[in-house]
């Protein structure tokens, strides 16, 4: 079974902007009023609703002003403690990623003349 390709960044931004606009209209807020409540400029809110890229802080301010920032806690769950990690690292938590082992590196593909 083939799964559809994941949506592009542009598609996701457009859909996010559309949903923010729908929520704003459901709350009967103008773009100017939302911008004021979020502490942002009107063009920033307009760019966000149009599906353009904005700073993450601007997105968070808009979501908070709309009263829908709480579900963001589920976006990235708090990392749990893995017992094997504690055992391997003598009770310390990992602070950086390790380099892949030589066997994990994919072999060079075969070509003519090798």
Protein backbone atom coordinates (compact mmCIF):
# COMPACT_ATOMS: atom_id res chain seq x y z
CA UNK A 1 0.00 0.00 0.00
CA UNK A 2 1.46 3.30 -1.07
CA UNK A 3 1.04 6.23 1.27
CA UNK A 4 0.55 9.70 -0.14
CA UNK A 5 3.60 11.95 0.07
CA UNK A 6 3.66 14.29 3.07
CA UNK A 7 2.37 17.79 2.35
CA UNK A 8 4.90 20.43 1.37
CA UNK A 9 5.91 23.25 3.71
CA UNK A 10 3.95 25.68 1.55
CA UNK A 11 0.81 23.56 1.82
CA UNK A 12 1.14 23.31 5.59
CA UNK A 13 1.67 27.09 5.98
CA UNK A 14 -1.33 27.81 3.77
CA UNK A 15 -3.57 25.45 5.76
CA UNK A 16 -2.30 26.86 9.07
CA UNK A 17 -3.09 30.40 7.87
CA UNK A 18 -6.55 29.34 6.71
CA UNK A 19 -7.34 27.75 10.07
CA UNK A 20 -6.10 30.79 11.99
CA UNK A 21 -8.25 33.03 9.80
CA UNK A 22 -11.30 30.77 10.37
CA UNK A 23 -10.75 30.81 14.14
CA UNK A 24 -10.33 34.60 14.13
CA UNK A 25 -13.57 35.05 12.18
CA UNK A 26 -15.42 32.60 14.46
CA UNK A 27 -14.35 34.83 17.37
CA UNK A 28 -15.55 37.90 15.41
CA UNK A 29 -12.12 39.57 15.53
CA UNK A 30 -10.71 41.80 12.84
CA UNK A 31 -7.12 41.32 11.74
CA UNK A 32 -6.28 44.68 13.30
CA UNK A 33 -7.80 43.69 16.64
CA UNK A 34 -5.99 40.33 16.63
CA UNK A 35 -2.72 42.07 15.82
CA UNK A 36 -3.27 44.47 18.71
CA UNK A 37 -4.13 41.68 21.18
CA UNK A 38 -1.13 39.63 20.04
CA UNK A 39 1.23 42.60 20.20
CA UNK A 40 2.09 42.31 16.51
CA UNK A 41 1.78 44.48 13.44
CA UNK A 42 -1.17 44.13 11.10
CA UNK A 43 1.06 43.02 8.17
CA UNK A 44 2.41 40.16 10.30
CA UNK A 45 -1.11 38.83 10.93
CA UNK A 46 -1.95 39.28 7.25
CA UNK A 47 1.18 37.33 6.20
CA UNK A 48 0.36 34.56 8.65
CA UNK A 49 -3.20 34.19 7.36
CA UNK A 50 -1.96 34.28 3.77
CA UNK A 51 0.28 31.29 4.45
CA UNK A 52 3.58 33.16 4.36
CA UNK A 53 6.43 32.35 6.69
CA UNK A 54 6.51 34.24 10.00
CA UNK A 55 8.61 33.94 13.13
CA UNK A 56 7.62 31.21 15.57
CA UNK A 57 7.19 33.82 18.32
CA UNK A 58 4.64 35.65 16.15
CA UNK A 59 2.72 32.42 15.60
CA UNK A 60 2.72 31.70 19.34
CA UNK A 61 1.45 35.20 20.13
CA UNK A 62 -1.42 34.84 17.65
CA UNK A 63 -2.36 31.40 18.98
CA UNK A 64 -2.31 32.72 22.54
CA UNK A 65 -4.44 35.75 21.57
CA UNK A 66 -6.95 33.37 19.94
CA UNK A 67 -6.95 31.20 23.07
CA UNK A 68 -5.72 28.09 21.27
CA UNK A 69 -2.10 27.80 22.42
CA UNK A 70 -2.72 25.01 24.98
CA UNK A 71 -2.71 22.08 22.48
CA UNK A 72 0.90 22.94 21.61
CA UNK A 73 2.00 21.04 24.71
CA UNK A 74 1.08 17.81 22.91
CA UNK A 75 3.11 18.72 19.82
CA UNK A 76 6.38 17.65 21.42
CA UNK A 77 5.85 15.41 24.42
CA UNK A 78 8.26 15.79 27.32
CA UNK A 79 11.15 13.37 26.85
CA UNK A 80 11.03 10.49 29.26
CA UNK A 81 13.91 8.76 30.99
CA UNK A 82 14.95 5.59 29.18
CA UNK A 83 16.27 3.01 31.65
CA UNK A 84 18.82 1.56 29.19
CA UNK A 85 20.23 5.02 28.52
CA UNK A 86 20.76 5.56 32.24
CA UNK A 87 22.42 2.17 32.55
CA UNK A 88 24.78 2.68 29.61
CA UNK A 89 25.74 6.22 30.68
CA UNK A 90 26.13 5.51 34.41
CA UNK A 91 22.97 7.36 35.41
CA UNK A 92 23.72 10.46 33.28
CA UNK A 93 21.41 11.64 30.52
CA UNK A 94 22.67 12.03 26.97
CA UNK A 95 23.87 15.55 26.13
CA UNK A 96 24.78 15.11 22.46
CA UNK A 97 24.31 12.71 19.59
CA UNK A 98 26.98 10.17 18.85
CA UNK A 99 28.65 9.57 15.52
CA UNK A 100 27.24 6.61 13.61
CA UNK A 101 29.30 3.44 13.72
CA UNK A 102 31.31 2.58 10.60
CA UNK A 103 29.04 -0.40 9.91
CA UNK A 104 25.98 1.87 9.96
CA UNK A 105 27.32 3.97 7.07
CA UNK A 106 25.83 2.85 3.77
CA UNK A 107 28.34 1.26 1.40
CA UNK A 108 29.33 3.16 -1.72
CA UNK A 109 27.10 2.07 -4.63
CA UNK A 110 28.71 -0.10 -7.29
CA UNK A 111 29.61 1.62 -10.56
CA UNK A 112 31.25 0.44 -13.80
CA UNK A 113 35.01 0.45 -13.69
CA UNK A 114 35.36 -0.37 -9.99
